[in-house]
C-alpha atoms as a PDB file:
ATOM      1  CA  UNK A   1      70.106 142.975 124.245  1.00  0.00           C
ATOM      2  CA  UNK A   2      66.602 143.129 124.127  1.00  0.00           C
ATOM      3  CA  UNK A   3      64.196 140.092 123.819  1.00  0.00           C
ATOM      4  CA  UNK A   4      60.665 140.012 122.457  1.00  0.00           C
ATOM      5  CA  UNK A   5      58.222 137.282 123.798  1.00  0.00           C
ATOM      6  CA  UNK A   6      55.107 136.761 121.555  1.00  0.00           C
ATOM      7  CA  UNK A   7      52.158 134.102 121.743  1.00  0.00           C
ATOM      8  CA  UNK A   8      50.311 132.640 118.918  1.00  0.00           C
ATOM      9  CA  UNK A   9      47.272 130.129 119.952  1.00  0.00           C
ATOM     10  CA  UNK A  10      48.923 127.892 122.527  1.00  0.00           C
ATOM     11  CA  UNK A  11      52.860 128.770 121.414  1.00  0.00           C
ATOM     12  CA  UNK A  12      55.282 131.050 122.380  1.00  0.00           C
ATOM     13  CA  UNK A  13      57.976 132.355 120.044  1.00  0.00           C
ATOM     14  CA  UNK A  14      61.210 133.920 122.017  1.00  0.00           C
ATOM     15  CA  UNK A  15      63.554 135.739 119.875  1.00  0.00           C
ATOM     16  CA  UNK A  16      66.110 139.093 119.670  1.00  0.00           C
ATOM     17  CA  UNK A  17      64.004 142.298 119.395  1.00  0.00           C
ATOM     18  CA  UNK A  18      66.142 143.555 116.426  1.00  0.00           C
ATOM     19  CA  UNK A  19      65.226 140.006 114.183  1.00  0.00           C
ATOM     20  CA  UNK A  20      62.648 141.202 111.786  1.00  0.00           C
ATOM     21  CA  UNK A  21      62.805 138.141 109.879  1.00  0.00           C
ATOM     22  CA  UNK A  22      61.645 136.128 112.641  1.00  0.00           C
ATOM     23  CA  UNK A  23      59.028 138.813 113.846  1.00  0.00           C
ATOM     24  CA  UNK A  24      57.764 138.600 109.870  1.00  0.00           C
ATOM     25  CA  UNK A  25      57.018 134.581 110.494  1.00  0.00           C
ATOM     26  CA  UNK A  26      54.708 135.036 113.378  1.00  0.00           C
ATOM     27  CA  UNK A  27      51.013 134.511 113.041  1.00  0.00           C
ATOM     28  CA  UNK A  28      48.750 137.615 112.422  1.00  0.00           C
ATOM     29  CA  UNK A  29      47.041 136.499 115.690  1.00  0.00           C
ATOM     30  CA  UNK A  30      50.355 136.832 117.827  1.00  0.00           C
ATOM     31  CA  UNK A  31      50.580 138.924 120.477  1.00  0.00           C
ATOM     32  CA  UNK A  32      53.779 140.350 122.053  1.00  0.00           C
ATOM     33  CA  UNK A  33      53.659 139.827 125.637  1.00  0.00           C
ATOM     34  CA  UNK A  34      56.607 141.064 126.859  1.00  0.00           C
ATOM     35  CA  UNK A  35      60.278 142.737 126.036  1.00  0.00           C
ATOM     36  CA  UNK A  36      63.201 140.836 128.331  1.00  0.00           C
ATOM     37  CA  UNK A  37      66.722 142.995 128.646  1.00  0.00           C
ATOM     38  CA  UNK A  38      69.203 140.525 129.272  1.00  0.00           C
ATOM     39  CA  UNK A  39      73.271 140.375 128.546  1.00  0.00           C
ATOM     40  CA  UNK A  40      73.329 136.579 127.566  1.00  0.00           C
ATOM     41  CA  UNK A  41      70.605 134.082 125.544  1.00  0.00           C
ATOM     42  CA  UNK A  42      70.533 132.334 129.090  1.00  0.00           C
ATOM     43  CA  UNK A  43      69.539 134.780 131.161  1.00  0.00           C
ATOM     44  CA  UNK A  44      67.022 136.086 128.659  1.00  0.00           C
ATOM     45  CA  UNK A  45      65.767 132.425 129.278  1.00  0.00           C
ATOM     46  CA  UNK A  46      65.927 132.486 132.637  1.00  0.00           C
ATOM     47  CA  UNK A  47      63.758 135.947 132.880  1.00  0.00           C
ATOM     48  CA  UNK A  48      61.236 134.504 130.361  1.00  0.00           C
ATOM     49  CA  UNK A  49      60.425 131.464 132.543  1.00  0.00           C
ATOM     50  CA  UNK A  50      60.006 133.445 135.317  1.00  0.00           C
ATOM     51  CA  UNK A  51      57.939 135.665 133.485  1.00  0.00           C
ATOM     52  CA  UNK A  52      55.267 132.923 132.185  1.00  0.00           C
ATOM     53  CA  UNK A  53      55.639 131.017 135.522  1.00  0.00           C
ATOM     54  CA  UNK A  54      57.654 127.704 134.403  1.00  0.00           C
ATOM     55  CA  UNK A  55      60.092 125.770 136.158  1.00  0.00           C
ATOM     56  CA  UNK A  56      63.859 127.137 136.198  1.00  0.00           C
ATOM     57  CA  UNK A  57      65.262 127.150 133.046  1.00  0.00           C
ATOM     58  CA  UNK A  58      67.645 124.782 132.798  1.00  0.00           C
ATOM     59  CA  UNK A  59      70.170 125.433 129.517  1.00  0.00           C
ATOM     60  CA  UNK A  60      71.325 122.383 127.108  1.00  0.00           C
ATOM     61  CA  UNK A  61      74.769 120.674 127.850  1.00  0.00           C
ATOM     62  CA  UNK A  62      75.979 122.437 124.568  1.00  0.00           C
ATOM     63  CA  UNK A  63      74.757 126.024 125.606  1.00  0.00           C
ATOM     64  CA  UNK A  64      77.062 125.874 128.362  1.00  0.00           C
END
């Protein structure tokens, strides 16, 4: 599955590429930073953190 990473001001939005509802909620100034392809949400989050240079992704206990 593909996921899109968007940035508007200081906030990020990350969601499946085919989710037009969430894309429609983005601010007018939002810019797509990248598209990430991953098999699972956890893998997509891991790749997003790597792309942004953040510390490694740690899933919440309920996601395991």
